[in-house]
C-alpha atoms as a PDB file:
ATOM      1  CA  UNK A   1     127.333  48.716 -66.654  1.00  0.00           C
ATOM      2  CA  UNK A   2     129.659  47.000 -64.143  1.00  0.00           C
ATOM      3  CA  UNK A   3     129.566  43.763 -66.193  1.00  0.00           C
ATOM      4  CA  UNK A   4     130.519  45.718 -69.329  1.00  0.00           C
ATOM      5  CA  UNK A   5     133.418  47.364 -67.456  1.00  0.00           C
ATOM      6  CA  UNK A   6     134.623  43.961 -66.197  1.00  0.00           C
ATOM      7  CA  UNK A   7     134.524  42.598 -69.751  1.00  0.00           C
ATOM      8  CA  UNK A   8     136.431  45.643 -71.019  1.00  0.00           C
ATOM      9  CA  UNK A   9     139.138  45.232 -68.359  1.00  0.00           C
ATOM     10  CA  UNK A  10     139.390  41.522 -69.130  1.00  0.00           C
ATOM     11  CA  UNK A  11     139.747  42.253 -72.851  1.00  0.00           C
ATOM     12  CA  UNK A  12     142.368  44.920 -72.172  1.00  0.00           C
ATOM     13  CA  UNK A  13     144.331  42.588 -69.879  1.00  0.00           C
ATOM     14  CA  UNK A  14     144.266  39.847 -72.517  1.00  0.00           C
ATOM     15  CA  UNK A  15     145.422  42.324 -75.170  1.00  0.00           C
ATOM     16  CA  UNK A  16     148.357  43.390 -73.005  1.00  0.00           C
ATOM     17  CA  UNK A  17     149.193  39.803 -72.104  1.00  0.00           C
ATOM     18  CA  UNK A  18     149.319  38.743 -75.742  1.00  0.00           C
ATOM     19  CA  UNK A  19     151.925  41.393 -76.431  1.00  0.00           C
ATOM     20  CA  UNK A  20     154.313  39.922 -73.848  1.00  0.00           C
ATOM     21  CA  UNK A  21     156.967  37.390 -74.779  1.00  0.00           C
ATOM     22  CA  UNK A  22     155.760  33.791 -75.161  1.00  0.00           C
ATOM     23  CA  UNK A  23     156.650  30.705 -73.137  1.00  0.00           C
ATOM     24  CA  UNK A  24     160.391  31.381 -73.252  1.00  0.00           C
ATOM     25  CA  UNK A  25     159.875  34.617 -71.355  1.00  0.00           C
ATOM     26  CA  UNK A  26     161.560  35.387 -68.095  1.00  0.00           C
ATOM     27  CA  UNK A  27     164.611  33.263 -67.509  1.00  0.00           C
ATOM     28  CA  UNK A  28     164.679  30.279 -69.858  1.00  0.00           C
ATOM     29  CA  UNK A  29     166.191  27.249 -68.135  1.00  0.00           C
ATOM     30  CA  UNK A  30     166.222  25.314 -71.412  1.00  0.00           C
ATOM     31  CA  UNK A  31     168.386  27.922 -73.104  1.00  0.00           C
ATOM     32  CA  UNK A  32     172.037  27.384 -73.965  1.00  0.00           C
ATOM     33  CA  UNK A  33     172.670  30.908 -72.659  1.00  0.00           C
ATOM     34  CA  UNK A  34     173.886  31.071 -69.057  1.00  0.00           C
ATOM     35  CA  UNK A  35     172.362  33.305 -66.408  1.00  0.00           C
ATOM     36  CA  UNK A  36     175.116  35.574 -65.143  1.00  0.00           C
ATOM     37  CA  UNK A  37     174.914  37.286 -61.762  1.00  0.00           C
ATOM     38  CA  UNK A  38     176.936  40.196 -60.432  1.00  0.00           C
ATOM     39  CA  UNK A  39     176.580  41.945 -57.079  1.00  0.00           C
ATOM     40  CA  UNK A  40     178.522  43.769 -54.369  1.00  0.00           C
ATOM     41  CA  UNK A  41     178.482  40.635 -52.205  1.00  0.00           C
ATOM     42  CA  UNK A  42     177.084  37.110 -52.204  1.00  0.00           C
ATOM     43  CA  UNK A  43     176.403  34.228 -49.830  1.00  0.00           C
ATOM     44  CA  UNK A  44     175.901  30.663 -51.036  1.00  0.00           C
ATOM     45  CA  UNK A  45     174.306  28.027 -48.807  1.00  0.00           C
ATOM     46  CA  UNK A  46     174.878  24.969 -50.964  1.00  0.00           C
ATOM     47  CA  UNK A  47     173.179  22.588 -48.498  1.00  0.00           C
ATOM     48  CA  UNK A  48     169.943  24.611 -48.638  1.00  0.00           C
ATOM     49  CA  UNK A  49     170.266  25.494 -52.346  1.00  0.00           C
ATOM     50  CA  UNK A  50     170.044  29.227 -51.651  1.00  0.00           C
ATOM     51  CA  UNK A  51     172.270  31.981 -53.027  1.00  0.00           C
ATOM     52  CA  UNK A  52     171.766  35.531 -51.725  1.00  0.00           C
ATOM     53  CA  UNK A  53     173.177  38.550 -53.562  1.00  0.00           C
ATOM     54  CA  UNK A  54     173.178  42.083 -52.153  1.00  0.00           C
ATOM     55  CA  UNK A  55     174.084  45.489 -53.511  1.00  0.00           C
ATOM     56  CA  UNK A  56     173.506  46.584 -57.095  1.00  0.00           C
ATOM     57  CA  UNK A  57     172.572  43.054 -58.224  1.00  0.00           C
ATOM     58  CA  UNK A  58     172.248  42.272 -61.910  1.00  0.00           C
ATOM     59  CA  UNK A  59     171.043  38.989 -63.483  1.00  0.00           C
ATOM     60  CA  UNK A  60     171.381  38.686 -67.240  1.00  0.00           C
ATOM     61  CA  UNK A  61     170.475  35.944 -69.705  1.00  0.00           C
ATOM     62  CA  UNK A  62     170.776  37.054 -73.316  1.00  0.00           C
ATOM     63  CA  UNK A  63     168.715  40.249 -73.551  1.00  0.00           C
ATOM     64  CA  UNK A  64     166.653  39.511 -70.417  1.00  0.00           C
ATOM     65  CA  UNK A  65     167.828  41.523 -67.415  1.00  0.00           C
ATOM     66  CA  UNK A  66     166.843  41.816 -63.741  1.00  0.00           C
ATOM     67  CA  UNK A  67     168.338  44.497 -61.493  1.00  0.00           C
ATOM     68  CA  UNK A  68     167.682  44.903 -57.767  1.00  0.00           C
ATOM     69  CA  UNK A  69     169.245  45.716 -54.420  1.00  0.00           C
ATOM     70  CA  UNK A  70     168.804  42.125 -53.212  1.00  0.00           C
ATOM     71  CA  UNK A  71     168.241  38.881 -55.108  1.00  0.00           C
ATOM     72  CA  UNK A  72     167.774  35.387 -53.675  1.00  0.00           C
ATOM     73  CA  UNK A  73     168.117  32.365 -55.988  1.00  0.00           C
ATOM     74  CA  UNK A  74     166.615  29.009 -54.986  1.00  0.00           C
ATOM     75  CA  UNK A  75     167.745  25.714 -56.498  1.00  0.00           C
ATOM     76  CA  UNK A  76     166.168  22.293 -56.277  1.00  0.00           C
ATOM     77  CA  UNK A  77     167.146  18.930 -57.787  1.00  0.00           C
ATOM     78  CA  UNK A  78     166.108  20.144 -61.274  1.00  0.00           C
ATOM     79  CA  UNK A  79     168.093  23.392 -61.056  1.00  0.00           C
ATOM     80  CA  UNK A  80     167.082  27.025 -60.582  1.00  0.00           C
ATOM     81  CA  UNK A  81     163.498  27.061 -59.329  1.00  0.00           C
ATOM     82  CA  UNK A  82     162.806  30.558 -57.996  1.00  0.00           C
ATOM     83  CA  UNK A  83     164.175  34.088 -58.064  1.00  0.00           C
ATOM     84  CA  UNK A  84     163.124  36.716 -55.532  1.00  0.00           C
ATOM     85  CA  UNK A  85     164.255  40.307 -56.107  1.00  0.00           C
ATOM     86  CA  UNK A  86     163.665  43.462 -54.103  1.00  0.00           C
ATOM     87  CA  UNK A  87     164.665  47.067 -54.606  1.00  0.00           C
ATOM     88  CA  UNK A  88     163.426  50.630 -54.786  1.00  0.00           C
ATOM     89  CA  UNK A  89     162.360  49.526 -57.318  1.00  0.00           C
ATOM     90  CA  UNK A  90     163.597  46.206 -58.689  1.00  0.00           C
ATOM     91  CA  UNK A  91     163.517  46.232 -62.489  1.00  0.00           C
ATOM     92  CA  UNK A  92     162.892  43.506 -65.067  1.00  0.00           C
ATOM     93  CA  UNK A  93     163.556  44.074 -68.766  1.00  0.00           C
ATOM     94  CA  UNK A  94     163.209  41.817 -71.800  1.00  0.00           C
ATOM     95  CA  UNK A  95     162.693  42.256 -75.544  1.00  0.00           C
ATOM     96  CA  UNK A  96     159.141  41.956 -76.811  1.00  0.00           C
ATOM     97  CA  UNK A  97     158.038  38.801 -78.590  1.00  0.00           C
ATOM     98  CA  UNK A  98     158.427  40.349 -82.044  1.00  0.00           C
ATOM     99  CA  UNK A  99     161.745  41.978 -81.091  1.00  0.00           C
ATOM    100  CA  UNK A 100     160.427  45.503 -81.657  1.00  0.00           C
ATOM    101  CA  UNK A 101     160.702  47.258 -78.342  1.00  0.00           C
ATOM    102  CA  UNK A 102     161.142  46.145 -74.784  1.00  0.00           C
ATOM    103  CA  UNK A 103     159.048  45.183 -71.799  1.00  0.00           C
ATOM    104  CA  UNK A 104     160.157  47.277 -68.818  1.00  0.00           C
ATOM    105  CA  UNK A 105     158.658  46.234 -65.466  1.00  0.00           C
ATOM    106  CA  UNK A 106     159.305  47.737 -62.039  1.00  0.00           C
ATOM    107  CA  UNK A 107     158.098  46.832 -58.560  1.00  0.00           C
ATOM    108  CA  UNK A 108     159.419  46.795 -55.027  1.00  0.00           C
ATOM    109  CA  UNK A 109     159.343  42.961 -55.167  1.00  0.00           C
ATOM    110  CA  UNK A 110     159.664  40.734 -58.234  1.00  0.00           C
ATOM    111  CA  UNK A 111     159.384  36.946 -58.040  1.00  0.00           C
ATOM    112  CA  UNK A 112     159.955  34.426 -60.813  1.00  0.00           C
ATOM    113  CA  UNK A 113     158.788  30.850 -60.251  1.00  0.00           C
ATOM    114  CA  UNK A 114     159.897  28.131 -62.679  1.00  0.00           C
ATOM    115  CA  UNK A 115     157.401  25.602 -61.241  1.00  0.00           C
ATOM    116  CA  UNK A 116     154.437  27.961 -61.665  1.00  0.00           C
ATOM    117  CA  UNK A 117     155.698  29.584 -64.892  1.00  0.00           C
ATOM    118  CA  UNK A 118     154.910  32.908 -63.290  1.00  0.00           C
ATOM    119  CA  UNK A 119     156.379  36.350 -62.831  1.00  0.00           C
ATOM    120  CA  UNK A 120     154.882  38.329 -59.953  1.00  0.00           C
ATOM    121  CA  UNK A 121     155.378  42.053 -59.478  1.00  0.00           C
ATOM    122  CA  UNK A 122     154.341  43.311 -56.032  1.00  0.00           C
ATOM    123  CA  UNK A 123     153.998  46.744 -54.472  1.00  0.00           C
ATOM    124  CA  UNK A 124     154.017  49.739 -56.805  1.00  0.00           C
ATOM    125  CA  UNK A 125     154.088  47.460 -59.851  1.00  0.00           C
ATOM    126  CA  UNK A 126     154.328  49.053 -63.288  1.00  0.00           C
ATOM    127  CA  UNK A 127     154.764  47.282 -66.621  1.00  0.00           C
ATOM    128  CA  UNK A 128     155.476  49.364 -69.730  1.00  0.00           C
ATOM    129  CA  UNK A 129     155.753  48.161 -73.296  1.00  0.00           C
ATOM    130  CA  UNK A 130     155.828  50.293 -76.447  1.00  0.00           C
ATOM    131  CA  UNK A 131     153.956  53.119 -74.759  1.00  0.00           C
ATOM    132  CA  UNK A 132     151.368  50.839 -73.143  1.00  0.00           C
ATOM    133  CA  UNK A 133     151.232  50.860 -69.351  1.00  0.00           C
ATOM    134  CA  UNK A 134     149.801  48.461 -66.773  1.00  0.00           C
ATOM    135  CA  UNK A 135     149.842  49.450 -63.097  1.00  0.00           C
ATOM    136  CA  UNK A 136     148.615  47.687 -59.949  1.00  0.00           C
ATOM    137  CA  UNK A 137     149.626  46.714 -56.458  1.00  0.00           C
ATOM    138  CA  UNK A 138     150.173  43.087 -57.530  1.00  0.00           C
ATOM    139  CA  UNK A 139     150.553  41.903 -61.133  1.00  0.00           C
ATOM    140  CA  UNK A 140     150.886  38.204 -62.006  1.00  0.00           C
ATOM    141  CA  UNK A 141     152.062  37.123 -65.440  1.00  0.00           C
ATOM    142  CA  UNK A 142     151.648  33.474 -66.488  1.00  0.00           C
ATOM    143  CA  UNK A 143     154.541  33.019 -68.939  1.00  0.00           C
ATOM    144  CA  UNK A 144     153.067  29.933 -70.624  1.00  0.00           C
ATOM    145  CA  UNK A 145     149.430  30.922 -71.024  1.00  0.00           C
ATOM    146  CA  UNK A 146     150.447  34.607 -71.419  1.00  0.00           C
ATOM    147  CA  UNK A 147     147.776  35.803 -69.016  1.00  0.00           C
ATOM    148  CA  UNK A 148     148.104  38.908 -66.868  1.00  0.00           C
ATOM    149  CA  UNK A 149     146.045  39.356 -63.705  1.00  0.00           C
ATOM    150  CA  UNK A 150     146.279  42.382 -61.472  1.00  0.00           C
ATOM    151  CA  UNK A 151     145.064  43.504 -58.082  1.00  0.00           C
ATOM    152  CA  UNK A 152     144.611  47.031 -56.831  1.00  0.00           C
ATOM    153  CA  UNK A 153     145.806  48.135 -53.437  1.00  0.00           C
ATOM    154  CA  UNK A 154     144.914  50.626 -50.763  1.00  0.00           C
ATOM    155  CA  UNK A 155     144.197  54.167 -51.909  1.00  0.00           C
ATOM    156  CA  UNK A 156     147.050  56.495 -50.948  1.00  0.00           C
ATOM    157  CA  UNK A 157     147.955  60.139 -51.460  1.00  0.00           C
ATOM    158  CA  UNK A 158     149.969  59.184 -54.544  1.00  0.00           C
ATOM    159  CA  UNK A 159     147.744  56.449 -55.995  1.00  0.00           C
ATOM    160  CA  UNK A 160     144.097  55.553 -56.516  1.00  0.00           C
ATOM    161  CA  UNK A 161     144.553  51.971 -55.301  1.00  0.00           C
ATOM    162  CA  UNK A 162     142.945  50.743 -58.491  1.00  0.00           C
ATOM    163  CA  UNK A 163     144.406  48.782 -61.384  1.00  0.00           C
ATOM    164  CA  UNK A 164     145.222  51.158 -64.233  1.00  0.00           C
ATOM    165  CA  UNK A 165     145.982  50.553 -67.895  1.00  0.00           C
ATOM    166  CA  UNK A 166     146.940  52.837 -70.770  1.00  0.00           C
ATOM    167  CA  UNK A 167     146.778  51.335 -74.247  1.00  0.00           C
ATOM    168  CA  UNK A 168     148.180  53.302 -77.167  1.00  0.00           C
ATOM    169  CA  UNK A 169     146.180  53.457 -80.389  1.00  0.00           C
ATOM    170  CA  UNK A 170     147.310  51.206 -83.210  1.00  0.00           C
ATOM    171  CA  UNK A 171     149.475  52.929 -85.788  1.00  0.00           C
ATOM    172  CA  UNK A 172     147.494  53.229 -89.016  1.00  0.00           C
ATOM    173  CA  UNK A 173     150.143  54.904 -91.127  1.00  0.00           C
ATOM    174  CA  UNK A 174     147.678  57.657 -91.943  1.00  0.00           C
ATOM    175  CA  UNK A 175     147.276  61.210 -90.726  1.00  0.00           C
ATOM    176  CA  UNK A 176     145.136  61.674 -87.673  1.00  0.00           C
ATOM    177  CA  UNK A 177     142.343  64.178 -88.135  1.00  0.00           C
ATOM    178  CA  UNK A 178     141.384  66.777 -85.539  1.00  0.00           C
ATOM    179  CA  UNK A 179     138.498  64.564 -84.412  1.00  0.00           C
ATOM    180  CA  UNK A 180     140.856  61.620 -83.777  1.00  0.00           C
ATOM    181  CA  UNK A 181     139.921  59.752 -86.951  1.00  0.00           C
ATOM    182  CA  UNK A 182     142.603  58.549 -89.374  1.00  0.00           C
ATOM    183  CA  UNK A 183     142.894  59.705 -92.945  1.00  0.00           C
ATOM    184  CA  UNK A 184     144.825  57.690 -95.541  1.00  0.00           C
ATOM    185  CA  UNK A 185     147.785  59.304 -97.270  1.00  0.00           C
END
């Protein structure tokens, strides 16, 4: 039974991952679109390659948007290499791969790593897309392989501590019967 449940959760995670945007997800460094940043205040340490933004921070590239209370950008010789955002919660939004709908992710900490091609949502992480929901203490999203992995956390008064997923039924265009089956029109 436990093996069947593990296979089900793996299948569900793969299904959710495939609905995310493809390799150009997150912030695309190869894009002609600039990443714009606005905040209440900023500090740039050019020698270290670190820019820190505080207060109602917003990063935007095209239709991809990150909002947080604090954002730290790291640069290396190749350019922007890492983004760390924190807030109550920090929020990441981007259009879905097919352009119908939006991925809306929230967590207390969000990290984007160009080198690892990974988005990480930590602490109270929730990802919603077209009515589907994925919740866990830590959620990693590999933007190239389009693989989502999640970890549960400690059980609290407000949460089970387990990874949770809600997947909406596929739209069949028919009328749903009282037993949940679909009838063609």
